[in-house]
Amino acid sequence: MSLGRFLGREKPDIRALTQARDIRALIVSLDHRDFDVQWRAARALGTMGVDATLPLINLIGYPDINTRLGAIEALGAIRDPRAIGVLTALLASHETSELRWAAALALGEIGDTTATPALLAALRDNDRFVRYGAAKALEQVGWSAETDEERAFYSIALQDWDSIKNLGTSATGPLIDMLKERHPAIRAQIVEILGTIGGD
């Protein structure tokens, strides 16, 4: 059943729905045409605790991107490890970079180390925002790099160019891999560093 059929012209009273712990109505509000209602509903769902986890997980495949973003944000706020599987799958394969970015941030909020492999893989994502979100999430789960290659991908994700230069030639492979970056300023920075450390 489409959430949209429940939407009326009037804005739902998010505060009242939150006080009543009406998870279903808050989920319906994620699909409201007013972005402010969507945002407030997502924030409210994040306070509902684990009772909201499974209904929110069920929304990850919902067609409307704002609904999915709201569900992902709420799952991050709830911090229920049951959401890790669906979030890591989304991070690994969804075609929409905004959803991958949101999934990375939510995994960081959950803070479970079982998400580490997916977050490490996302450091190689072709979108700079996804990479940055994955790097910040890795910090939140207490990860630390074990190899220069990991340090390089992590530093590239943060655009910490000084740290990359300090790695020297061990950063060459990750830098070359990141030449797929679409943003011209970042790509130019990568090329410049490759020249400095002797890569080409």
N, C-alpha and C. Protein backbone atom coordinates (compact mmCIF):
# COMPACT_ATOMS: atom_id res chain seq x y z
N MET A 1 0.84 -1.19 0.00
CA MET A 1 0.00 0.00 0.00
C MET A 1 0.88 1.24 0.00
N SER A 2 0.60 2.16 -0.85
CA SER A 2 1.40 3.38 -0.94
C SER A 2 1.19 4.26 0.27
N LEU A 3 2.29 4.81 0.77
CA LEU A 3 2.18 5.76 1.86
C LEU A 3 1.39 6.98 1.43
N GLY A 4 1.54 7.35 0.15
CA GLY A 4 0.97 8.58 -0.34
C GLY A 4 -0.54 8.68 -0.20
N ARG A 5 -1.25 7.57 -0.15
CA ARG A 5 -2.70 7.63 -0.08
C ARG A 5 -3.17 8.22 1.24
N PHE A 6 -2.28 8.23 2.27
CA PHE A 6 -2.66 8.75 3.57
C PHE A 6 -2.42 10.25 3.69
N LEU A 7 -1.78 10.83 2.71
CA LEU A 7 -1.38 12.22 2.84
C LEU A 7 -2.52 13.17 2.54
N GLY A 8 -2.77 14.08 3.45
CA GLY A 8 -3.79 15.09 3.23
C GLY A 8 -3.14 16.43 2.95
N ARG A 9 -3.96 17.44 2.87
CA ARG A 9 -3.44 18.77 2.61
C ARG A 9 -2.83 19.39 3.87
N GLU A 10 -3.32 19.00 5.04
CA GLU A 10 -2.84 19.59 6.28
C GLU A 10 -1.56 18.90 6.73
N LYS A 11 -0.71 19.67 7.41
CA LYS A 11 0.51 19.10 7.96
C LYS A 11 0.18 18.26 9.19
N PRO A 12 0.82 17.12 9.31
CA PRO A 12 0.61 16.32 10.52
C PRO A 12 1.28 17.00 11.71
N ASP A 13 0.74 16.76 12.89
CA ASP A 13 1.30 17.31 14.12
C ASP A 13 2.39 16.35 14.60
N ILE A 14 3.62 16.61 14.18
CA ILE A 14 4.72 15.69 14.48
C ILE A 14 4.94 15.58 15.98
N ARG A 15 4.80 16.70 16.69
CA ARG A 15 5.01 16.65 18.14
C ARG A 15 3.99 15.72 18.81
N ALA A 16 2.74 15.84 18.40
CA ALA A 16 1.70 14.98 18.98
C ALA A 16 1.93 13.52 18.61
N LEU A 17 2.32 13.28 17.37
CA LEU A 17 2.60 11.90 16.94
C LEU A 17 3.77 11.31 17.71
N THR A 18 4.76 12.15 17.99
CA THR A 18 5.92 11.69 18.76
C THR A 18 5.51 11.36 20.18
N GLN A 19 4.74 12.22 20.79
CA GLN A 19 4.28 11.97 22.16
C GLN A 19 3.44 10.72 22.25
N ALA A 20 2.65 10.47 21.21
CA ALA A 20 1.81 9.27 21.17
C ALA A 20 2.59 8.02 20.74
N ARG A 21 3.85 8.21 20.36
CA ARG A 21 4.69 7.13 19.85
C ARG A 21 4.00 6.40 18.68
N ASP A 22 3.42 7.20 17.80
CA ASP A 22 2.71 6.67 16.64
C ASP A 22 3.70 6.47 15.49
N ILE A 23 4.41 5.37 15.54
CA ILE A 23 5.48 5.09 14.58
C ILE A 23 4.93 5.02 13.16
N ARG A 24 3.77 4.39 13.01
CA ARG A 24 3.19 4.24 11.67
C ARG A 24 2.89 5.61 11.05
N ALA A 25 2.27 6.49 11.83
CA ALA A 25 1.93 7.81 11.30
C ALA A 25 3.18 8.64 11.02
N LEU A 26 4.22 8.47 11.84
CA LEU A 26 5.47 9.18 11.59
C LEU A 26 6.13 8.69 10.31
N ILE A 27 6.04 7.39 10.08
CA ILE A 27 6.59 6.83 8.84
C ILE A 27 5.83 7.38 7.63
N VAL A 28 4.50 7.45 7.75
CA VAL A 28 3.71 8.03 6.67
C VAL A 28 4.15 9.47 6.41
N SER A 29 4.49 10.19 7.47
CA SER A 29 4.89 11.60 7.34
C SER A 29 6.21 11.77 6.60
N LEU A 30 7.01 10.71 6.52
CA LEU A 30 8.26 10.79 5.75
C LEU A 30 7.98 11.03 4.27
N ASP A 31 6.78 10.69 3.84
CA ASP A 31 6.40 10.81 2.44
C ASP A 31 5.60 12.09 2.16
N HIS A 32 5.53 12.97 3.17
CA HIS A 32 4.77 14.21 3.00
C HIS A 32 5.45 15.11 1.98
N ARG A 33 4.66 15.92 1.28
CA ARG A 33 5.23 16.79 0.24
C ARG A 33 6.07 17.92 0.81
N ASP A 34 5.88 18.24 2.10
CA ASP A 34 6.61 19.32 2.76
C ASP A 34 7.91 18.78 3.34
N PHE A 35 9.06 19.30 2.88
CA PHE A 35 10.35 18.78 3.33
C PHE A 35 10.52 18.94 4.83
N ASP A 36 10.02 20.04 5.40
CA ASP A 36 10.15 20.25 6.84
C ASP A 36 9.43 19.15 7.62
N VAL A 37 8.28 18.72 7.13
CA VAL A 37 7.56 17.62 7.77
C VAL A 37 8.38 16.34 7.67
N GLN A 38 8.94 16.08 6.51
CA GLN A 38 9.77 14.89 6.33
C GLN A 38 10.93 14.88 7.33
N TRP A 39 11.61 16.02 7.42
CA TRP A 39 12.78 16.12 8.28
C TRP A 39 12.41 15.92 9.75
N ARG A 40 11.31 16.56 10.19
CA ARG A 40 10.89 16.45 11.58
C ARG A 40 10.42 15.03 11.89
N ALA A 41 9.78 14.39 10.94
CA ALA A 41 9.34 13.01 11.15
C ALA A 41 10.54 12.07 11.28
N ALA A 42 11.56 12.29 10.45
CA ALA A 42 12.77 11.46 10.54
C ALA A 42 13.43 11.64 11.90
N ARG A 43 13.53 12.89 12.36
CA ARG A 43 14.12 13.15 13.67
C ARG A 43 13.30 12.49 14.78
N ALA A 44 11.99 12.57 14.65
CA ALA A 44 11.13 11.97 15.67
C ALA A 44 11.27 10.45 15.69
N LEU A 45 11.34 9.84 14.52
CA LEU A 45 11.50 8.39 14.45
C LEU A 45 12.80 7.94 15.10
N GLY A 46 13.81 8.79 14.99
CA GLY A 46 15.09 8.48 15.62
C GLY A 46 15.02 8.40 17.13
N THR A 47 13.94 8.94 17.71
CA THR A 47 13.77 8.89 19.17
C THR A 47 12.88 7.73 19.60
N MET A 48 12.37 6.96 18.66
CA MET A 48 11.41 5.91 18.98
C MET A 48 12.07 4.63 19.46
N GLY A 49 13.38 4.54 19.33
CA GLY A 49 14.07 3.34 19.78
C GLY A 49 13.87 2.16 18.86
N VAL A 50 14.23 0.99 19.36
CA VAL A 50 14.27 -0.21 18.50
C VAL A 50 12.89 -0.64 18.01
N ASP A 51 11.82 -0.14 18.61
CA ASP A 51 10.48 -0.48 18.11
C ASP A 51 10.29 -0.02 16.67
N ALA A 52 11.03 1.02 16.28
CA ALA A 52 10.88 1.56 14.92
C ALA A 52 11.85 0.93 13.92
N THR A 53 12.77 0.10 14.39
CA THR A 53 13.82 -0.40 13.50
C THR A 53 13.27 -1.16 12.30
N LEU A 54 12.48 -2.17 12.53
CA LEU A 54 12.02 -3.01 11.41
C LEU A 54 11.12 -2.24 10.44
N PRO A 55 10.16 -1.42 10.93
CA PRO A 55 9.40 -0.61 9.96
C PRO A 55 10.29 0.30 9.12
N LEU A 56 11.33 0.85 9.73
CA LEU A 56 12.23 1.72 8.98
C LEU A 56 13.06 0.94 7.97
N ILE A 57 13.52 -0.22 8.36
CA ILE A 57 14.27 -1.08 7.43
C ILE A 57 13.41 -1.40 6.21
N ASN A 58 12.12 -1.62 6.44
CA ASN A 58 11.21 -1.93 5.34
C ASN A 58 11.06 -0.78 4.36
N LEU A 59 11.41 0.44 4.79
CA LEU A 59 11.30 1.60 3.91
C LEU A 59 12.51 1.81 3.00
N ILE A 60 13.58 1.06 3.23
CA ILE A 60 14.81 1.30 2.46
C ILE A 60 14.58 1.10 0.97
N GLY A 61 13.66 0.25 0.61
CA GLY A 61 13.37 0.03 -0.80
C GLY A 61 12.24 0.88 -1.35
N TYR A 62 11.72 1.79 -0.55
CA TYR A 62 10.59 2.63 -0.97
C TYR A 62 11.03 3.55 -2.11
N PRO A 63 10.18 3.80 -3.11
CA PRO A 63 10.61 4.57 -4.29
C PRO A 63 11.06 6.01 -4.03
N ASP A 64 10.44 6.70 -3.09
CA ASP A 64 10.76 8.11 -2.88
C ASP A 64 12.08 8.26 -2.13
N ILE A 65 13.01 9.02 -2.70
CA ILE A 65 14.34 9.14 -2.10
C ILE A 65 14.30 9.85 -0.76
N ASN A 66 13.44 10.85 -0.61
CA ASN A 66 13.38 11.56 0.67
C ASN A 66 12.88 10.66 1.79
N THR A 67 11.96 9.77 1.46
CA THR A 67 11.48 8.81 2.45
C THR A 67 12.62 7.90 2.88
N ARG A 68 13.39 7.43 1.92
CA ARG A 68 14.50 6.55 2.25
C ARG A 68 15.58 7.27 3.05
N LEU A 69 15.86 8.51 2.68
CA LEU A 69 16.86 9.28 3.43
C LEU A 69 16.41 9.48 4.87
N GLY A 70 15.13 9.76 5.05
CA GLY A 70 14.60 9.92 6.40
C GLY A 70 14.70 8.64 7.21
N ALA A 71 14.41 7.52 6.57
CA ALA A 71 14.50 6.23 7.25
C ALA A 71 15.94 5.93 7.64
N ILE A 72 16.87 6.21 6.74
CA ILE A 72 18.29 5.96 7.02
C ILE A 72 18.77 6.83 8.17
N GLU A 73 18.40 8.10 8.15
CA GLU A 73 18.79 9.00 9.24
C GLU A 73 18.24 8.50 10.57
N ALA A 74 16.99 8.08 10.59
CA ALA A 74 16.38 7.58 11.82
C ALA A 74 17.07 6.31 12.31
N LEU A 75 17.42 5.42 11.39
CA LEU A 75 18.12 4.19 11.77
C LEU A 75 19.47 4.51 12.40
N GLY A 76 20.15 5.51 11.87
CA GLY A 76 21.42 5.91 12.48
C GLY A 76 21.23 6.44 13.89
N ALA A 77 20.17 7.20 14.09
CA ALA A 77 19.90 7.76 15.42
C ALA A 77 19.50 6.68 16.42
N ILE A 78 18.78 5.66 15.95
CA ILE A 78 18.35 4.57 16.83
C ILE A 78 19.52 3.68 17.24
N ARG A 79 20.45 3.48 16.32
CA ARG A 79 21.68 2.72 16.59
C ARG A 79 21.42 1.24 16.89
N ASP A 80 20.46 0.68 16.22
CA ASP A 80 20.14 -0.74 16.38
C ASP A 80 21.01 -1.53 15.39
N PRO A 81 21.85 -2.45 15.89
CA PRO A 81 22.70 -3.23 14.98
C PRO A 81 21.95 -4.02 13.92
N ARG A 82 20.66 -4.25 14.11
CA ARG A 82 19.88 -4.98 13.10
C ARG A 82 19.83 -4.24 11.78
N ALA A 83 20.12 -2.95 11.79
CA ALA A 83 20.08 -2.17 10.55
C ALA A 83 21.37 -2.26 9.75
N ILE A 84 22.41 -2.83 10.34
CA ILE A 84 23.72 -2.82 9.68
C ILE A 84 23.69 -3.53 8.33
N GLY A 85 23.05 -4.68 8.27
CA GLY A 85 23.03 -5.45 7.02
C GLY A 85 22.45 -4.68 5.85
N VAL A 86 21.29 -4.07 6.05
CA VAL A 86 20.64 -3.34 4.96
C VAL A 86 21.43 -2.07 4.62
N LEU A 87 22.02 -1.45 5.61
CA LEU A 87 22.79 -0.23 5.35
C LEU A 87 24.10 -0.53 4.61
N THR A 88 24.76 -1.61 4.98
CA THR A 88 26.01 -1.94 4.28
C THR A 88 25.72 -2.38 2.85
N ALA A 89 24.61 -3.07 2.64
CA ALA A 89 24.23 -3.47 1.27
C ALA A 89 23.95 -2.24 0.43
N LEU A 90 23.26 -1.28 1.00
CA LEU A 90 22.94 -0.04 0.29
C LEU A 90 24.23 0.72 -0.03
N LEU A 91 25.12 0.80 0.94
CA LEU A 91 26.39 1.50 0.75
C LEU A 91 27.22 0.86 -0.36
N ALA A 92 27.16 -0.44 -0.45
CA ALA A 92 27.99 -1.16 -1.42
C ALA A 92 27.48 -1.07 -2.85
N SER A 93 26.17 -0.91 -3.02
CA SER A 93 25.68 -1.13 -4.38
C SER A 93 24.65 -0.14 -4.90
N HIS A 94 24.14 0.76 -4.08
CA HIS A 94 23.07 1.62 -4.59
C HIS A 94 23.61 2.62 -5.59
N GLU A 95 22.84 2.87 -6.65
CA GLU A 95 23.32 3.77 -7.70
C GLU A 95 23.25 5.24 -7.30
N THR A 96 22.49 5.57 -6.28
CA THR A 96 22.34 6.97 -5.87
C THR A 96 23.36 7.32 -4.81
N SER A 97 24.27 8.24 -5.12
CA SER A 97 25.36 8.57 -4.20
C SER A 97 24.83 9.17 -2.89
N GLU A 98 23.73 9.91 -2.96
CA GLU A 98 23.19 10.53 -1.74
C GLU A 98 22.76 9.46 -0.74
N LEU A 99 22.19 8.37 -1.24
CA LEU A 99 21.79 7.29 -0.35
C LEU A 99 23.00 6.55 0.19
N ARG A 100 24.04 6.36 -0.63
CA ARG A 100 25.26 5.71 -0.14
C ARG A 100 25.90 6.56 0.96
N TRP A 101 25.93 7.87 0.72
CA TRP A 101 26.49 8.80 1.72
C TRP A 101 25.72 8.72 3.04
N ALA A 102 24.39 8.75 2.94
CA ALA A 102 23.57 8.68 4.15
C ALA A 102 23.78 7.35 4.88
N ALA A 103 23.92 6.27 4.13
CA ALA A 103 24.14 4.96 4.74
C ALA A 103 25.48 4.94 5.49
N ALA A 104 26.51 5.53 4.90
CA ALA A 104 27.81 5.59 5.57
C ALA A 104 27.70 6.35 6.88
N LEU A 105 27.04 7.49 6.86
CA LEU A 105 26.89 8.29 8.08
C LEU A 105 26.10 7.52 9.14
N ALA A 106 25.05 6.83 8.73
CA ALA A 106 24.24 6.06 9.67
C ALA A 106 25.05 4.93 10.30
N LEU A 107 25.87 4.28 9.50
CA LEU A 107 26.73 3.21 10.03
C LEU A 107 27.70 3.76 11.06
N GLY A 108 28.20 4.96 10.82
CA GLY A 108 29.07 5.59 11.81
C GLY A 108 28.33 5.88 13.09
N GLU A 109 27.09 6.34 12.99
CA GLU A 109 26.29 6.61 14.18
C GLU A 109 26.01 5.33 14.97
N ILE A 110 25.75 4.24 14.26
CA ILE A 110 25.52 2.97 14.95
C ILE A 110 26.78 2.53 15.68
N GLY A 111 27.93 2.75 15.04
CA GLY A 111 29.20 2.55 15.72
C GLY A 111 29.64 1.11 15.92
N ASP A 112 29.12 0.20 15.14
CA ASP A 112 29.46 -1.22 15.27
C ASP A 112 30.60 -1.57 14.32
N THR A 113 31.61 -2.24 14.83
CA THR A 113 32.79 -2.56 14.02
C THR A 113 32.50 -3.54 12.89
N THR A 114 31.36 -4.23 12.94
CA THR A 114 31.06 -5.16 11.84
C THR A 114 30.83 -4.41 10.52
N ALA A 115 30.63 -3.11 10.60
CA ALA A 115 30.46 -2.31 9.37
C ALA A 115 31.79 -1.91 8.76
N THR A 116 32.90 -2.18 9.44
CA THR A 116 34.21 -1.70 8.98
C THR A 116 34.55 -2.13 7.56
N PRO A 117 34.40 -3.41 7.19
CA PRO A 117 34.76 -3.79 5.81
C PRO A 117 34.00 -3.00 4.74
N ALA A 118 32.71 -2.79 4.96
CA ALA A 118 31.91 -2.03 3.99
C ALA A 118 32.36 -0.58 3.93
N LEU A 119 32.70 -0.01 5.07
CA LEU A 119 33.17 1.38 5.10
C LEU A 119 34.54 1.52 4.46
N LEU A 120 35.40 0.54 4.66
CA LEU A 120 36.72 0.56 4.01
C LEU A 120 36.56 0.51 2.49
N ALA A 121 35.66 -0.35 2.04
CA ALA A 121 35.42 -0.44 0.59
C ALA A 121 34.89 0.89 0.05
N ALA A 122 34.08 1.58 0.85
CA ALA A 122 33.48 2.85 0.40
C ALA A 122 34.52 3.97 0.31
N LEU A 123 35.70 3.80 0.91
CA LEU A 123 36.76 4.79 0.74
C LEU A 123 37.20 4.86 -0.72
N ARG A 124 36.86 3.86 -1.52
CA ARG A 124 37.21 3.82 -2.94
C ARG A 124 36.03 4.22 -3.84
N ASP A 125 34.96 4.68 -3.24
CA ASP A 125 33.77 5.06 -4.00
C ASP A 125 34.13 6.17 -4.99
N ASN A 126 33.37 6.26 -6.08
CA ASN A 126 33.68 7.30 -7.08
C ASN A 126 33.06 8.66 -6.73
N ASP A 127 32.38 8.74 -5.61
CA ASP A 127 31.78 10.01 -5.18
C ASP A 127 32.52 10.52 -3.94
N ARG A 128 32.96 11.78 -3.98
CA ARG A 128 33.77 12.31 -2.89
C ARG A 128 33.00 12.43 -1.58
N PHE A 129 31.70 12.66 -1.65
CA PHE A 129 30.91 12.77 -0.43
C PHE A 129 30.73 11.41 0.25
N VAL A 130 30.56 10.38 -0.55
CA VAL A 130 30.47 9.02 0.00
C VAL A 130 31.79 8.65 0.67
N ARG A 131 32.89 8.95 0.00
CA ARG A 131 34.21 8.65 0.58
C ARG A 131 34.40 9.38 1.91
N TYR A 132 34.03 10.67 1.93
CA TYR A 132 34.18 11.45 3.14
C TYR A 132 33.30 10.88 4.27
N GLY A 133 32.06 10.55 3.94
CA GLY A 133 31.17 9.96 4.94
C GLY A 133 31.72 8.66 5.49
N ALA A 134 32.30 7.83 4.61
CA ALA A 134 32.88 6.56 5.06
C ALA A 134 34.08 6.80 5.98
N ALA A 135 34.91 7.78 5.65
CA ALA A 135 36.08 8.08 6.48
C ALA A 135 35.65 8.55 7.87
N LYS A 136 34.66 9.44 7.92
CA LYS A 136 34.18 9.92 9.22
C LYS A 136 33.53 8.79 10.01
N ALA A 137 32.81 7.90 9.32
CA ALA A 137 32.18 6.77 9.99
C ALA A 137 33.22 5.82 10.55
N LEU A 138 34.31 5.61 9.81
CA LEU A 138 35.39 4.75 10.31
C LEU A 138 35.97 5.30 11.61
N GLU A 139 36.09 6.61 11.69
CA GLU A 139 36.55 7.22 12.94
C GLU A 139 35.60 6.88 14.08
N GLN A 140 34.31 6.93 13.79
CA GLN A 140 33.31 6.68 14.83
C GLN A 140 33.30 5.24 15.32
N VAL A 141 33.67 4.30 14.46
CA VAL A 141 33.69 2.89 14.90
C VAL A 141 35.04 2.51 15.50
N GLY A 142 35.94 3.47 15.62
CA GLY A 142 37.22 3.23 16.27
C GLY A 142 38.28 2.58 15.40
N TRP A 143 38.12 2.70 14.08
CA TRP A 143 39.07 2.08 13.15
C TRP A 143 40.36 2.88 13.09
N SER A 144 41.47 2.16 12.87
CA SER A 144 42.74 2.83 12.55
C SER A 144 43.42 2.04 11.44
N ALA A 145 44.06 2.76 10.54
CA ALA A 145 44.69 2.14 9.37
C ALA A 145 45.81 1.19 9.78
N GLU A 146 45.90 0.07 9.07
CA GLU A 146 46.95 -0.91 9.34
C GLU A 146 48.02 -0.91 8.26
N THR A 147 47.73 -0.35 7.11
CA THR A 147 48.69 -0.32 6.01
C THR A 147 48.75 1.09 5.42
N ASP A 148 49.82 1.36 4.69
CA ASP A 148 49.92 2.66 4.01
C ASP A 148 48.84 2.83 2.96
N GLU A 149 48.44 1.73 2.33
CA GLU A 149 47.38 1.83 1.33
C GLU A 149 46.08 2.29 1.99
N GLU A 150 45.74 1.71 3.14
CA GLU A 150 44.54 2.14 3.86
C GLU A 150 44.66 3.60 4.28
N ARG A 151 45.86 3.99 4.76
CA ARG A 151 46.07 5.39 5.15
C ARG A 151 45.88 6.32 3.96
N ALA A 152 46.35 5.88 2.81
CA ALA A 152 46.24 6.72 1.61
C ALA A 152 44.78 6.91 1.21
N PHE A 153 44.02 5.82 1.12
CA PHE A 153 42.61 5.95 0.73
C PHE A 153 41.84 6.78 1.76
N TYR A 154 42.16 6.58 3.04
CA TYR A 154 41.51 7.35 4.09
C TYR A 154 41.83 8.84 3.96
N SER A 155 43.09 9.16 3.71
CA SER A 155 43.50 10.56 3.59
C SER A 155 42.93 11.21 2.33
N ILE A 156 42.85 10.44 1.25
CA ILE A 156 42.23 10.96 0.02
C ILE A 156 40.76 11.27 0.30
N ALA A 157 40.08 10.39 1.01
CA ALA A 157 38.66 10.60 1.33
C ALA A 157 38.46 11.89 2.11
N LEU A 158 39.40 12.19 3.01
CA LEU A 158 39.32 13.42 3.81
C LEU A 158 39.93 14.62 3.10
N GLN A 159 40.50 14.38 1.93
CA GLN A 159 41.23 15.41 1.18
C GLN A 159 42.33 16.02 2.05
N ASP A 160 43.00 15.14 2.79
CA ASP A 160 44.13 15.53 3.64
C ASP A 160 45.41 15.36 2.81
N TRP A 161 45.64 16.34 1.97
CA TRP A 161 46.71 16.21 0.98
C TRP A 161 48.09 16.18 1.60
N ASP A 162 48.30 16.86 2.71
CA ASP A 162 49.61 16.84 3.37
C ASP A 162 49.96 15.43 3.85
N SER A 163 48.98 14.74 4.42
CA SER A 163 49.22 13.37 4.89
C SER A 163 49.54 12.45 3.72
N ILE A 164 48.87 12.67 2.59
CA ILE A 164 49.13 11.84 1.41
C ILE A 164 50.56 12.07 0.91
N LYS A 165 50.97 13.33 0.87
CA LYS A 165 52.34 13.63 0.43
C LYS A 165 53.35 12.96 1.34
N ASN A 166 53.07 12.94 2.64
CA ASN A 166 53.99 12.34 3.60
C ASN A 166 54.12 10.84 3.42
N LEU A 167 53.11 10.20 2.82
CA LEU A 167 53.18 8.77 2.57
C LEU A 167 54.12 8.45 1.42
N GLY A 168 54.40 9.43 0.58
CA GLY A 168 55.34 9.22 -0.52
C GLY A 168 54.81 8.26 -1.55
N THR A 169 55.70 7.45 -2.11
CA THR A 169 55.34 6.58 -3.23
C THR A 169 54.33 5.50 -2.85
N SER A 170 54.19 5.20 -1.56
CA SER A 170 53.21 4.19 -1.16
C SER A 170 51.77 4.66 -1.42
N ALA A 171 51.61 5.96 -1.67
CA ALA A 171 50.28 6.48 -1.97
C ALA A 171 49.98 6.46 -3.46
N THR A 172 50.96 6.08 -4.29
CA THR A 172 50.79 6.16 -5.73
C THR A 172 49.59 5.36 -6.24
N GLY A 173 49.49 4.09 -5.83
CA GLY A 173 48.39 3.24 -6.29
C GLY A 173 47.01 3.82 -5.95
N PRO A 174 46.77 4.17 -4.69
CA PRO A 174 45.48 4.77 -4.35
C PRO A 174 45.22 6.08 -5.11
N LEU A 175 46.23 6.89 -5.30
CA LEU A 175 46.04 8.14 -6.03
C LEU A 175 45.64 7.88 -7.48
N ILE A 176 46.31 6.92 -8.11
CA ILE A 176 45.97 6.57 -9.49
C ILE A 176 44.54 6.04 -9.55
N ASP A 177 44.17 5.20 -8.57
CA ASP A 177 42.81 4.66 -8.53
C ASP A 177 41.77 5.78 -8.42
N MET A 178 42.12 6.84 -7.72
CA MET A 178 41.19 7.94 -7.50
C MET A 178 41.18 8.97 -8.64
N LEU A 179 41.94 8.71 -9.70
CA LEU A 179 41.85 9.58 -10.87
C LEU A 179 40.49 9.49 -11.54
N LYS A 180 39.68 8.51 -11.11
CA LYS A 180 38.30 8.42 -11.61
C LYS A 180 37.42 9.52 -11.05
N GLU A 181 37.93 10.27 -10.08
CA GLU A 181 37.18 11.37 -9.46
C GLU A 181 36.68 12.34 -10.52
N ARG A 182 35.40 12.71 -10.42
CA ARG A 182 34.80 13.61 -11.41
C ARG A 182 35.05 15.08 -11.11
N HIS A 183 35.30 15.42 -9.86
CA HIS A 183 35.48 16.82 -9.50
C HIS A 183 36.84 17.31 -9.99
N PRO A 184 36.88 18.32 -10.87
CA PRO A 184 38.14 18.71 -11.50
C PRO A 184 39.21 19.20 -10.51
N ALA A 185 38.81 19.89 -9.45
CA ALA A 185 39.80 20.41 -8.50
C ALA A 185 40.48 19.28 -7.74
N ILE A 186 39.70 18.28 -7.37
CA ILE A 186 40.28 17.13 -6.66
C ILE A 186 41.16 16.33 -7.59
N ARG A 187 40.70 16.11 -8.82
CA ARG A 187 41.51 15.37 -9.79
C ARG A 187 42.82 16.10 -10.06
N ALA A 188 42.77 17.43 -10.16
CA ALA A 188 43.99 18.21 -10.38
C ALA A 188 44.94 18.09 -9.20
N GLN A 189 44.39 18.06 -8.00
CA GLN A 189 45.23 17.90 -6.81
C GLN A 189 45.92 16.54 -6.81
N ILE A 190 45.18 15.52 -7.20
CA ILE A 190 45.75 14.17 -7.27
C ILE A 190 46.89 14.12 -8.28
N VAL A 191 46.66 14.70 -9.45
CA VAL A 191 47.71 14.73 -10.49
C VAL A 191 48.95 15.46 -9.99
N GLU A 192 48.73 16.57 -9.30
CA GLU A 192 49.86 17.35 -8.78
C GLU A 192 50.67 16.54 -7.77
N ILE A 193 49.98 15.83 -6.89
CA ILE A 193 50.70 15.03 -5.88
C ILE A 193 51.43 13.88 -6.54
N LEU A 194 50.80 13.26 -7.54
CA LEU A 194 51.47 12.17 -8.26
C LEU A 194 52.78 12.68 -8.87
N GLY A 195 52.74 13.89 -9.41
CA GLY A 195 53.96 14.46 -9.97
C GLY A 195 55.00 14.71 -8.92
N THR A 196 54.55 15.15 -7.74
CA THR A 196 55.48 15.46 -6.65
C THR A 196 56.16 14.22 -6.10
N ILE A 197 55.40 13.11 -5.98
CA ILE A 197 55.99 11.92 -5.39
C ILE A 197 56.56 10.97 -6.44
N GLY A 198 56.49 11.39 -7.72
CA GLY A 198 57.13 10.61 -8.77
C GLY A 198 56.23 9.61 -9.45
N GLY A 199 54.90 9.64 -9.18
CA GLY A 199 53.99 8.75 -9.88
C GLY A 199 53.55 9.36 -11.19
N ASP A 200 53.05 8.58 -12.09
CA ASP A 200 52.46 9.10 -13.32
C ASP A 200 51.46 8.11 -13.88
